[in-house]
C-alpha atoms as a PDB file:
ATOM      1  CA  MET A   1      28.592 -14.960  23.674  1.00  0.00           C
ATOM      2  CA  TYR A   2      27.413 -16.362  20.399  1.00  0.00           C
ATOM      3  CA  LYS A   3      27.344 -20.015  20.965  1.00  0.00           C
ATOM      4  CA  SER A   4      23.959 -20.433  19.645  1.00  0.00           C
ATOM      5  CA  ILE A   5      25.016 -19.204  15.972  1.00  0.00           C
ATOM      6  CA  LEU A   6      24.208 -21.335  13.203  1.00  0.00           C
ATOM      7  CA  PHE A   7      26.990 -21.162  10.694  1.00  0.00           C
ATOM      8  CA  VAL A   8      26.351 -20.691   6.893  1.00  0.00           C
ATOM      9  CA  SER A   9      28.449 -23.650   5.935  1.00  0.00           C
ATOM     10  CA  ILE A  10      26.184 -26.056   8.038  1.00  0.00           C
ATOM     11  CA  VAL A  11      23.136 -24.490   6.179  1.00  0.00           C
ATOM     12  CA  LEU A  12      24.999 -25.016   2.746  1.00  0.00           C
ATOM     13  CA  LEU A  13      25.666 -28.397   3.448  1.00  0.00           C
ATOM     14  CA  ALA A  14      21.951 -29.226   4.531  1.00  0.00           C
ATOM     15  CA  VAL A  15      20.429 -27.557   1.583  1.00  0.00           C
ATOM     16  CA  ALA A  16      22.917 -29.036  -0.815  1.00  0.00           C
ATOM     17  CA  ALA A  17      21.997 -32.439   0.256  1.00  0.00           C
ATOM     18  CA  SER A  18      18.288 -31.879  -0.451  1.00  0.00           C
ATOM     19  CA  LEU A  19      18.505 -30.110  -3.873  1.00  0.00           C
ATOM     20  CA  SER A  20      20.616 -29.480  -6.670  1.00  0.00           C
ATOM     21  CA  VAL A  21      22.796 -26.097  -6.154  1.00  0.00           C
ATOM     22  CA  ASN A  22      23.093 -25.794 -10.011  1.00  0.00           C
ATOM     23  CA  ASP A  23      19.523 -25.411 -10.568  1.00  0.00           C
ATOM     24  CA  ASP A  24      18.161 -21.837 -11.104  1.00  0.00           C
ATOM     25  CA  VAL A  25      17.255 -20.132  -8.053  1.00  0.00           C
ATOM     26  CA  LEU A  26      14.131 -18.458  -9.836  1.00  0.00           C
ATOM     27  CA  ASP A  27      11.692 -21.315  -9.752  1.00  0.00           C
ATOM     28  CA  ASP A  28       8.398 -20.909 -11.958  1.00  0.00           C
ATOM     29  CA  ASN A  29       6.556 -23.438  -9.885  1.00  0.00           C
ATOM     30  CA  LEU A  30       7.110 -21.698  -6.784  1.00  0.00           C
ATOM     31  CA  ILE A  31       6.067 -18.379  -8.429  1.00  0.00           C
ATOM     32  CA  ARG A  32       2.748 -19.889  -9.754  1.00  0.00           C
ATOM     33  CA  GLU A  33       2.131 -21.422  -6.437  1.00  0.00           C
ATOM     34  CA  VAL A  34       2.325 -18.178  -4.787  1.00  0.00           C
ATOM     35  CA  ASN A  35       0.227 -16.130  -7.285  1.00  0.00           C
ATOM     36  CA  SER A  36      -2.330 -18.953  -7.792  1.00  0.00           C
ATOM     37  CA  ASN A  37      -3.236 -18.813  -4.149  1.00  0.00           C
ATOM     38  CA  PRO A  38      -6.277 -16.606  -3.527  1.00  0.00           C
ATOM     39  CA  HIS A  39      -5.253 -16.132   0.058  1.00  0.00           C
ATOM     40  CA  SER A  40      -1.641 -15.090  -0.667  1.00  0.00           C
ATOM     41  CA  SER A  41      -0.674 -11.848   1.104  1.00  0.00           C
ATOM     42  CA  TRP A  42       2.264 -11.306  -1.603  1.00  0.00           C
ATOM     43  CA  LYS A  43       3.214 -11.548  -5.218  1.00  0.00           C
ATOM     44  CA  ALA A  44       5.988 -13.309  -6.937  1.00  0.00           C
ATOM     45  CA  GLY A  45       7.834 -12.840 -10.333  1.00  0.00           C
ATOM     46  CA  ARG A  46      10.991 -13.520 -12.241  1.00  0.00           C
ATOM     47  CA  ASN A  47      13.197 -10.575 -11.176  1.00  0.00           C
ATOM     48  CA  PRO A  48      16.115  -9.607 -13.413  1.00  0.00           C
ATOM     49  CA  ARG A  49      18.352  -9.307 -10.386  1.00  0.00           C
ATOM     50  CA  PHE A  50      18.407 -13.066 -10.155  1.00  0.00           C
ATOM     51  CA  GLU A  51      18.048 -14.249 -13.929  1.00  0.00           C
ATOM     52  CA  GLY A  52      20.671 -16.867 -14.669  1.00  0.00           C
ATOM     53  CA  VAL A  53      21.691 -17.079 -10.821  1.00  0.00           C
ATOM     54  CA  SER A  54      21.973 -20.692  -9.522  1.00  0.00           C
ATOM     55  CA  ILE A  55      20.758 -22.066  -6.104  1.00  0.00           C
ATOM     56  CA  GLY A  56      24.473 -22.378  -5.145  1.00  0.00           C
ATOM     57  CA  GLN A  57      25.242 -18.671  -6.107  1.00  0.00           C
ATOM     58  CA  ALA A  58      22.183 -17.317  -4.303  1.00  0.00           C
ATOM     59  CA  MET A  59      23.165 -19.538  -1.098  1.00  0.00           C
ATOM     60  CA  SER A  60      26.430 -17.958  -1.052  1.00  0.00           C
ATOM     61  CA  MET A  61      24.965 -14.448  -0.706  1.00  0.00           C
ATOM     62  CA  MET A  62      23.369 -15.565   2.528  1.00  0.00           C
ATOM     63  CA  GLY A  63      26.314 -14.542   4.801  1.00  0.00           C
ATOM     64  CA  THR A  64      24.656 -13.995   8.169  1.00  0.00           C
ATOM     65  CA  ARG A  65      25.151 -16.538  11.076  1.00  0.00           C
ATOM     66  CA  LYS A  66      21.620 -16.485  12.402  1.00  0.00           C
ATOM     67  CA  SER A  67      20.923 -17.376  16.090  1.00  0.00           C
ATOM     68  CA  VAL A  68      18.523 -20.057  16.787  1.00  0.00           C
ATOM     69  CA  GLY A  69      16.624 -21.491  19.538  1.00  0.00           C
ATOM     70  CA  LYS A  70      14.691 -18.289  20.278  1.00  0.00           C
ATOM     71  CA  THR A  71      11.135 -17.030  19.953  1.00  0.00           C
ATOM     72  CA  SER A  72       9.887 -13.496  19.979  1.00  0.00           C
ATOM     73  CA  ILE A  73       9.487 -12.228  23.584  1.00  0.00           C
ATOM     74  CA  LYS A  74       6.540  -9.992  24.177  1.00  0.00           C
ATOM     75  CA  GLU A  75       7.072  -6.719  25.952  1.00  0.00           C
ATOM     76  CA  LYS A  76       4.815  -3.884  26.834  1.00  0.00           C
ATOM     77  CA  ALA A  77       5.099  -1.399  24.109  1.00  0.00           C
ATOM     78  CA  SER A  78       5.535   2.156  25.128  1.00  0.00           C
ATOM     79  CA  SER A  79       2.472   4.273  24.719  1.00  0.00           C
ATOM     80  CA  SER A  80       4.488   6.536  22.466  1.00  0.00           C
ATOM     81  CA  ILE A  81       5.100   3.980  19.913  1.00  0.00           C
ATOM     82  CA  PRO A  82       2.678   4.593  16.898  1.00  0.00           C
ATOM     83  CA  SER A  83       0.715   1.651  15.045  1.00  0.00           C
ATOM     84  CA  SER A  84       2.889   2.547  11.832  1.00  0.00           C
ATOM     85  CA  PHE A  85       6.154   4.208  11.270  1.00  0.00           C
ATOM     86  CA  ASP A  86       8.631   4.852   8.527  1.00  0.00           C
ATOM     87  CA  SER A  87      12.249   6.064   8.942  1.00  0.00           C
ATOM     88  CA  ARG A  88      12.113   7.189   5.179  1.00  0.00           C
ATOM     89  CA  VAL A  89       9.248   9.699   6.273  1.00  0.00           C
ATOM     90  CA  GLN A  90      10.584  10.490   9.381  1.00  0.00           C
ATOM     91  CA  TRP A  91      14.049  11.560   8.420  1.00  0.00           C
ATOM     92  CA  PRO A  92      13.880  11.490   4.616  1.00  0.00           C
ATOM     93  CA  ASN A  93      17.422  13.019   4.047  1.00  0.00           C
ATOM     94  CA  CYS A  94      19.035  10.346   6.373  1.00  0.00           C
ATOM     95  CA  ILE A  95      18.085   7.103   4.934  1.00  0.00           C
ATOM     96  CA  HIS A  96      20.480   6.394   2.347  1.00  0.00           C
ATOM     97  CA  PRO A  97      20.125   4.543  -0.954  1.00  0.00           C
ATOM     98  CA  VAL A  98      19.710   0.753  -1.767  1.00  0.00           C
ATOM     99  CA  LEU A  99      23.195  -0.936  -2.386  1.00  0.00           C
ATOM    100  CA  ASN A 100      23.936  -4.130  -3.992  1.00  0.00           C
ATOM    101  CA  GLN A 101      26.203  -6.771  -2.222  1.00  0.00           C
ATOM    102  CA  GLU A 102      26.285  -8.773  -5.578  1.00  0.00           C
ATOM    103  CA  GLN A 103      27.964 -12.175  -5.466  1.00  0.00           C
ATOM    104  CA  CYS A 104      29.364 -11.960  -2.023  1.00  0.00           C
ATOM    105  CA  GLY A 105      27.813 -13.057   1.418  1.00  0.00           C
ATOM    106  CA  SER A 106      28.518  -9.576   2.828  1.00  0.00           C
ATOM    107  CA  CYS A 107      24.786  -8.739   3.872  1.00  0.00           C
ATOM    108  CA  TRP A 108      26.093  -8.451   7.617  1.00  0.00           C
ATOM    109  CA  ALA A 109      28.554  -5.726   6.559  1.00  0.00           C
ATOM    110  CA  PHE A 110      26.073  -3.890   4.248  1.00  0.00           C
ATOM    111  CA  SER A 111      23.098  -3.888   6.636  1.00  0.00           C
ATOM    112  CA  THR A 112      25.489  -2.596   9.651  1.00  0.00           C
ATOM    113  CA  SER A 113      27.395   0.084   7.659  1.00  0.00           C
ATOM    114  CA  GLU A 114      23.949   1.309   6.193  1.00  0.00           C
ATOM    115  CA  ALA A 115      22.196   1.476   9.409  1.00  0.00           C
ATOM    116  CA  LEU A 116      25.264   3.237  10.961  1.00  0.00           C
ATOM    117  CA  SER A 117      25.092   5.742   8.036  1.00  0.00           C
ATOM    118  CA  ASP A 118      21.428   6.526   8.852  1.00  0.00           C
ATOM    119  CA  ARG A 119      21.941   6.799  12.708  1.00  0.00           C
ATOM    120  CA  LEU A 120      24.860   9.183  12.540  1.00  0.00           C
ATOM    121  CA  CYS A 121      22.880  11.391  10.287  1.00  0.00           C
ATOM    122  CA  ILE A 122      19.729  11.230  12.519  1.00  0.00           C
ATOM    123  CA  ALA A 123      21.829  11.821  15.532  1.00  0.00           C
ATOM    124  CA  SER A 124      23.654  14.729  14.246  1.00  0.00           C
ATOM    125  CA  ASN A 125      20.420  16.236  12.772  1.00  0.00           C
ATOM    126  CA  GLY A 126      21.889  15.818   9.286  1.00  0.00           C
ATOM    127  CA  GLN A 127      25.227  17.263  10.053  1.00  0.00           C
ATOM    128  CA  ILE A 128      26.958  14.101   9.244  1.00  0.00           C
ATOM    129  CA  ASN A 129      25.442  12.721   6.432  1.00  0.00           C
ATOM    130  CA  VAL A 130      27.578   9.967   4.671  1.00  0.00           C
ATOM    131  CA  THR A 131      27.354   6.624   3.134  1.00  0.00           C
ATOM    132  CA  LEU A 132      29.867   4.421   4.964  1.00  0.00           C
ATOM    133  CA  SER A 133      31.863   1.656   3.442  1.00  0.00           C
ATOM    134  CA  PRO A 134      30.762  -2.117   3.710  1.00  0.00           C
ATOM    135  CA  GLN A 135      33.926  -2.983   2.251  1.00  0.00           C
ATOM    136  CA  ALA A 136      36.049  -1.977   5.187  1.00  0.00           C
ATOM    137  CA  LEU A 137      33.948  -4.478   7.342  1.00  0.00           C
ATOM    138  CA  VAL A 138      34.418  -7.199   4.632  1.00  0.00           C
ATOM    139  CA  SER A 139      38.140  -6.597   4.300  1.00  0.00           C
ATOM    140  CA  CYS A 140      39.196  -5.572   7.748  1.00  0.00           C
ATOM    141  CA  ASP A 141      36.824  -6.794  10.371  1.00  0.00           C
ATOM    142  CA  THR A 142      38.443 -10.296  10.861  1.00  0.00           C
ATOM    143  CA  TYR A 143      37.567 -10.961  14.532  1.00  0.00           C
ATOM    144  CA  GLY A 144      34.798 -13.658  14.188  1.00  0.00           C
ATOM    145  CA  ASN A 145      33.710 -12.535  10.794  1.00  0.00           C
ATOM    146  CA  GLU A 146      34.686 -13.988   7.558  1.00  0.00           C
ATOM    147  CA  GLY A 147      34.115 -11.355   4.800  1.00  0.00           C
ATOM    148  CA  CYS A 148      32.344 -12.922   1.773  1.00  0.00           C
ATOM    149  CA  ASN A 149      31.795 -16.286   3.813  1.00  0.00           C
ATOM    150  CA  GLY A 150      29.715 -14.569   6.243  1.00  0.00           C
ATOM    151  CA  GLY A 151      29.670 -12.559   9.479  1.00  0.00           C
ATOM    152  CA  VAL A 152      27.742 -11.599  12.784  1.00  0.00           C
ATOM    153  CA  PRO A 153      26.053  -8.130  12.767  1.00  0.00           C
ATOM    154  CA  GLN A 154      26.743  -7.775  16.451  1.00  0.00           C
ATOM    155  CA  LEU A 155      30.524  -8.273  16.001  1.00  0.00           C
ATOM    156  CA  ALA A 156      30.286  -5.762  13.184  1.00  0.00           C
ATOM    157  CA  TRP A 157      28.789  -3.208  15.417  1.00  0.00           C
ATOM    158  CA  GLU A 158      31.512  -3.721  17.999  1.00  0.00           C
ATOM    159  CA  TYR A 159      34.087  -2.963  15.105  1.00  0.00           C
ATOM    160  CA  CYS A 160      32.012   0.256  14.324  1.00  0.00           C
ATOM    161  CA  GLU A 161      32.240   1.243  17.872  1.00  0.00           C
ATOM    162  CA  LEU A 162      36.039   0.498  18.466  1.00  0.00           C
ATOM    163  CA  HIS A 163      37.431   1.231  14.935  1.00  0.00           C
ATOM    164  CA  GLY A 164      34.933   3.026  12.811  1.00  0.00           C
ATOM    165  CA  LEU A 165      34.301   3.166   9.182  1.00  0.00           C
ATOM    166  CA  PRO A 166      35.523   5.360   6.167  1.00  0.00           C
ATOM    167  CA  THR A 167      33.052   6.575   3.736  1.00  0.00           C
ATOM    168  CA  TYR A 168      32.074   4.506   0.795  1.00  0.00           C
ATOM    169  CA  SER A 169      33.674   6.903  -1.880  1.00  0.00           C
ATOM    170  CA  CYS A 170      36.944   6.561   0.155  1.00  0.00           C
ATOM    171  CA  TYR A 171      36.520   2.764   0.349  1.00  0.00           C
ATOM    172  CA  PRO A 172      34.432   1.496  -2.370  1.00  0.00           C
ATOM    173  CA  TYR A 173      32.887  -1.778  -2.596  1.00  0.00           C
ATOM    174  CA  THR A 174      35.096  -4.410  -4.570  1.00  0.00           C
ATOM    175  CA  SER A 175      34.094  -7.685  -3.356  1.00  0.00           C
ATOM    176  CA  GLY A 176      30.995  -8.113  -5.553  1.00  0.00           C
ATOM    177  CA  ASN A 177      32.854 -10.988  -7.335  1.00  0.00           C
ATOM    178  CA  GLY A 178      33.103 -12.887  -3.810  1.00  0.00           C
ATOM    179  CA  THR A 179      36.664 -11.984  -3.002  1.00  0.00           C
ATOM    180  CA  ASP A 180      37.413 -10.348   0.353  1.00  0.00           C
ATOM    181  CA  GLY A 181      40.080  -7.975  -0.877  1.00  0.00           C
ATOM    182  CA  ASP A 182      43.056  -6.321   1.176  1.00  0.00           C
ATOM    183  CA  CYS A 183      42.305  -4.218   4.128  1.00  0.00           C
ATOM    184  CA  ILE A 184      43.204  -0.597   3.754  1.00  0.00           C
ATOM    185  CA  LYS A 185      43.445   1.693   6.681  1.00  0.00           C
ATOM    186  CA  ASP A 186      45.314   4.716   5.672  1.00  0.00           C
ATOM    187  CA  SER A 187      44.401   5.980   2.301  1.00  0.00           C
ATOM    188  CA  CYS A 188      41.325   6.952   0.104  1.00  0.00           C
ATOM    189  CA  ALA A 189      40.484   5.592  -3.430  1.00  0.00           C
ATOM    190  CA  ASP A 190      38.984   9.133  -4.214  1.00  0.00           C
ATOM    191  CA  ASN A 191      42.203  10.891  -2.812  1.00  0.00           C
ATOM    192  CA  SER A 192      40.062  12.504  -0.115  1.00  0.00           C
ATOM    193  CA  GLN A 193      41.385  12.653   3.522  1.00  0.00           C
ATOM    194  CA  TYR A 194      41.084   9.339   5.394  1.00  0.00           C
ATOM    195  CA  GLN A 195      38.318   9.765   8.206  1.00  0.00           C
ATOM    196  CA  LEU A 196      36.739   7.089  10.395  1.00  0.00           C
ATOM    197  CA  PHE A 197      33.090   7.503  11.514  1.00  0.00           C
ATOM    198  CA  LYS A 198      32.293   5.564  14.610  1.00  0.00           C
ATOM    199  CA  ALA A 199      29.371   4.266  16.618  1.00  0.00           C
ATOM    200  CA  LYS A 200      29.125   5.353  20.132  1.00  0.00           C
ATOM    201  CA  GLU A 201      31.061   2.655  22.295  1.00  0.00           C
ATOM    202  CA  PHE A 202      29.300   0.381  24.447  1.00  0.00           C
ATOM    203  CA  THR A 203      25.847   1.190  23.104  1.00  0.00           C
ATOM    204  CA  MET A 204      25.269  -1.911  21.033  1.00  0.00           C
ATOM    205  CA  LYS A 205      21.880  -3.671  22.020  1.00  0.00           C
ATOM    206  CA  THR A 206      20.307  -6.809  20.696  1.00  0.00           C
ATOM    207  CA  CYS A 207      16.370  -6.949  20.620  1.00  0.00           C
ATOM    208  CA  ASP A 208      14.623 -10.195  21.003  1.00  0.00           C
ATOM    209  CA  SER A 209      11.090  -8.768  20.540  1.00  0.00           C
ATOM    210  CA  VAL A 210       8.989  -6.703  18.312  1.00  0.00           C
ATOM    211  CA  GLU A 211       8.524  -4.150  20.976  1.00  0.00           C
ATOM    212  CA  CYS A 212      12.166  -3.693  21.463  1.00  0.00           C
ATOM    213  CA  ILE A 213      12.939  -3.253  17.812  1.00  0.00           C
ATOM    214  CA  GLN A 214      10.268  -0.595  17.383  1.00  0.00           C
ATOM    215  CA  GLU A 215      11.419   1.399  20.174  1.00  0.00           C
ATOM    216  CA  LEU A 216      14.985   1.484  19.019  1.00  0.00           C
ATOM    217  CA  ILE A 217      14.058   2.345  15.549  1.00  0.00           C
ATOM    218  CA  TYR A 218      11.490   5.034  16.867  1.00  0.00           C
ATOM    219  CA  ALA A 219      14.284   6.685  18.956  1.00  0.00           C
ATOM    220  CA  ASN A 220      17.262   6.462  16.943  1.00  0.00           C
ATOM    221  CA  GLY A 221      16.750   5.170  13.274  1.00  0.00           C
ATOM    222  CA  PRO A 222      17.106   1.863  11.475  1.00  0.00           C
ATOM    223  CA  ILE A 223      18.247  -1.435  13.005  1.00  0.00           C
ATOM    224  CA  VAL A 224      20.003  -4.438  11.554  1.00  0.00           C
ATOM    225  CA  GLY A 225      17.591  -7.284  11.443  1.00  0.00           C
ATOM    226  CA  THR A 226      18.381 -10.943  10.591  1.00  0.00           C
ATOM    227  CA  MET A 227      16.185 -13.432   9.015  1.00  0.00           C
ATOM    228  CA  GLU A 228      16.143 -17.066   7.297  1.00  0.00           C
ATOM    229  CA  VAL A 229      15.727 -16.764   3.637  1.00  0.00           C
ATOM    230  CA  TYR A 230      13.725 -19.539   1.551  1.00  0.00           C
ATOM    231  CA  GLN A 231      13.943 -19.900  -2.189  1.00  0.00           C
ATOM    232  CA  ASP A 232      10.479 -18.393  -2.814  1.00  0.00           C
ATOM    233  CA  PHE A 233      11.595 -15.001  -1.161  1.00  0.00           C
ATOM    234  CA  ILE A 234      13.885 -14.620  -4.036  1.00  0.00           C
ATOM    235  CA  SER A 235      11.005 -13.975  -6.444  1.00  0.00           C
ATOM    236  CA  TYR A 236       9.215 -11.425  -4.059  1.00  0.00           C
ATOM    237  CA  THR A 237       7.771  -8.490  -6.071  1.00  0.00           C
ATOM    238  CA  SER A 238       4.993  -6.905  -3.566  1.00  0.00           C
ATOM    239  CA  GLY A 239       2.892  -7.361  -0.722  1.00  0.00           C
ATOM    240  CA  VAL A 240       3.501  -8.918   2.870  1.00  0.00           C
ATOM    241  CA  TYR A 241       5.923 -11.772   2.570  1.00  0.00           C
ATOM    242  CA  VAL A 242       4.757 -14.846   4.251  1.00  0.00           C
ATOM    243  CA  TYR A 243       6.698 -18.181   4.033  1.00  0.00           C
ATOM    244  CA  ASN A 244       4.740 -20.766   2.200  1.00  0.00           C
ATOM    245  CA  GLY A 245       6.261 -23.702   4.417  1.00  0.00           C
ATOM    246  CA  THR A 246       7.612 -25.685   1.425  1.00  0.00           C
ATOM    247  CA  ALA A 247      10.253 -23.858  -0.255  1.00  0.00           C
ATOM    248  CA  PRO A 248      13.854 -24.816   0.687  1.00  0.00           C
ATOM    249  CA  LEU A 249      16.003 -22.772   3.061  1.00  0.00           C
ATOM    250  CA  LEU A 250      18.968 -20.964   1.514  1.00  0.00           C
ATOM    251  CA  GLY A 251      20.688 -19.617   4.523  1.00  0.00           C
ATOM    252  CA  GLY A 252      20.615 -16.570   6.903  1.00  0.00           C
ATOM    253  CA  HIS A 253      20.480 -12.987   5.778  1.00  0.00           C
ATOM    254  CA  ALA A 254      20.831  -9.457   7.441  1.00  0.00           C
ATOM    255  CA  ILE A 255      18.842  -6.626   6.316  1.00  0.00           C
ATOM    256  CA  LYS A 256      17.874  -2.906   7.481  1.00  0.00           C
ATOM    257  CA  ILE A 257      14.524  -2.588   9.124  1.00  0.00           C
ATOM    258  CA  VAL A 258      13.213   0.950   8.709  1.00  0.00           C
ATOM    259  CA  GLY A 259       9.715   0.831   9.765  1.00  0.00           C
ATOM    260  CA  TRP A 260       6.406  -1.011  10.248  1.00  0.00           C
ATOM    261  CA  GLY A 261       2.622  -0.980   9.551  1.00  0.00           C
ATOM    262  CA  THR A 262      -0.458  -2.915   8.739  1.00  0.00           C
ATOM    263  CA  ASP A 263      -1.397  -3.832   5.038  1.00  0.00           C
ATOM    264  CA  SER A 264      -4.818  -2.726   4.209  1.00  0.00           C
ATOM    265  CA  ALA A 265      -5.294  -5.511   1.538  1.00  0.00           C
ATOM    266  CA  SER A 266      -4.438  -8.396   3.657  1.00  0.00           C
ATOM    267  CA  GLY A 267      -4.672  -7.013   7.210  1.00  0.00           C
ATOM    268  CA  LEU A 268      -1.346  -8.338   8.136  1.00  0.00           C
ATOM    269  CA  ASP A 269       1.086  -6.406  10.497  1.00  0.00           C
ATOM    270  CA  TYR A 270       4.526  -6.081   8.651  1.00  0.00           C
ATOM    271  CA  TRP A 271       8.002  -4.690   8.934  1.00  0.00           C
ATOM    272  CA  ALA A 272       9.234  -2.395   6.284  1.00  0.00           C
ATOM    273  CA  VAL A 273      12.635  -3.583   5.305  1.00  0.00           C
ATOM    274  CA  GLN A 274      15.718  -2.317   3.079  1.00  0.00           C
ATOM    275  CA  ASN A 275      17.599  -5.250   1.324  1.00  0.00           C
ATOM    276  CA  SER A 276      20.998  -5.185  -0.238  1.00  0.00           C
ATOM    277  CA  TRP A 277      20.075  -6.679  -3.590  1.00  0.00           C
ATOM    278  CA  GLY A 278      20.035  -3.518  -5.700  1.00  0.00           C
ATOM    279  CA  PRO A 279      17.002  -1.061  -6.388  1.00  0.00           C
ATOM    280  CA  THR A 280      15.583  -3.430  -9.116  1.00  0.00           C
ATOM    281  CA  TRP A 281      14.684  -6.216  -6.668  1.00  0.00           C
ATOM    282  CA  GLY A 282      11.309  -6.242  -4.707  1.00  0.00           C
ATOM    283  CA  LEU A 283       9.869  -2.824  -3.833  1.00  0.00           C
ATOM    284  CA  ASN A 284      12.696  -0.593  -5.233  1.00  0.00           C
ATOM    285  CA  GLY A 285      15.058  -2.647  -3.134  1.00  0.00           C
ATOM    286  CA  PHE A 286      12.635  -2.975  -0.143  1.00  0.00           C
ATOM    287  CA  PHE A 287      10.266  -5.482   1.062  1.00  0.00           C
ATOM    288  CA  TRP A 288       7.421  -6.225   3.527  1.00  0.00           C
ATOM    289  CA  ILE A 289       7.387  -9.111   5.767  1.00  0.00           C
ATOM    290  CA  GLN A 290       4.871 -10.227   8.287  1.00  0.00           C
ATOM    291  CA  ARG A 291       5.514  -8.678  11.743  1.00  0.00           C
ATOM    292  CA  GLY A 292       4.576 -10.273  15.255  1.00  0.00           C
ATOM    293  CA  VAL A 293       4.735 -13.977  14.588  1.00  0.00           C
ATOM    294  CA  ASP A 294       8.534 -14.236  14.072  1.00  0.00           C
ATOM    295  CA  MET A 295       8.252 -14.790  10.499  1.00  0.00           C
ATOM    296  CA  CYS A 296      11.595 -16.359   9.195  1.00  0.00           C
ATOM    297  CA  GLY A 297      13.059 -15.360  12.542  1.00  0.00           C
ATOM    298  CA  ILE A 298      12.905 -11.603  12.002  1.00  0.00           C
ATOM    299  CA  ASP A 299      11.220 -10.652  15.409  1.00  0.00           C
ATOM    300  CA  HIS A 300      14.470 -11.541  17.157  1.00  0.00           C
ATOM    301  CA  ASP A 301      18.098 -11.149  17.008  1.00  0.00           C
ATOM    302  CA  ALA A 302      18.131  -7.430  15.616  1.00  0.00           C
ATOM    303  CA  SER A 303      20.958  -5.067  16.627  1.00  0.00           C
ATOM    304  CA  ALA A 304      22.130  -1.543  16.579  1.00  0.00           C
ATOM    305  CA  SER A 305      24.565   0.871  18.312  1.00  0.00           C
ATOM    306  CA  GLN A 306      23.900   4.581  18.669  1.00  0.00           C
ATOM    307  CA  GLY A 307      25.390   6.899  16.170  1.00  0.00           C
ATOM    308  CA  ASN A 308      28.434   8.927  17.625  1.00  0.00           C
ATOM    309  CA  THR A 309      28.175  12.823  16.832  1.00  0.00           C
ATOM    310  CA  LYS A 310      31.782  13.312  18.200  1.00  0.00           C
ATOM    311  CA  GLN A 311      33.837  12.308  15.265  1.00  0.00           C
END
């Protein structure tokens, strides 16, 4: 099913051959290149989140196996889809806080658990409002996924449909140091009752077009997106990110797409995206990236299951 997956290990080997993985990932030359370009649609800077982080360490955070060989397929958009939309405005109490995967390639687990948390809340009209555990996916979802060494969001969604996830407070994140941790399926760290929250079975869908992604978000809430991360993106601070074409590839990354719009300053269409690098990075943990041109592969290979209100 996922024969076209590009494994992170291949990316790591390719990048390691072209640059020193011990160099700092924050590159002042790349930052100056972005900020000195009068036509640039975004700004770069030295973010404290990545101060002292090497290229190799940043590469180890890129834990999503990104499908390749696809382009964004144009579909006829529904007439009900607006030109701009933000889940944070539409469902302000259901879009949960920005988390931090730290030094682990667990973005696939964070984006999936976060999107399911939001979608359960939305589907239940706020009755099920919990932050679910990415650690449960990192430690327990071993069918095709490899914890801190990466995973496939679609496989994570299948796990959420068949097994479900406990809450973050029940099963807190412990893999920030890069270790997967032991799988725990019967007790909670906060001594609460162990309870699993599931996605609705057999509802997982993968989108390979802008229109499909928009329709799923508009109907049911945020969706897991995938993208390639290049070194300049690490220094993103504001605006609509557009890859400059020269910065080295670090690997595949999974994120949570929450909406879309058009930037008045640059005129570019964008996706509004929640990252898992903590609230101090980017736009309080979020970023904008150009929409409609498959920038960094973000317009395809996005996925989600429906929230199951019958727990």
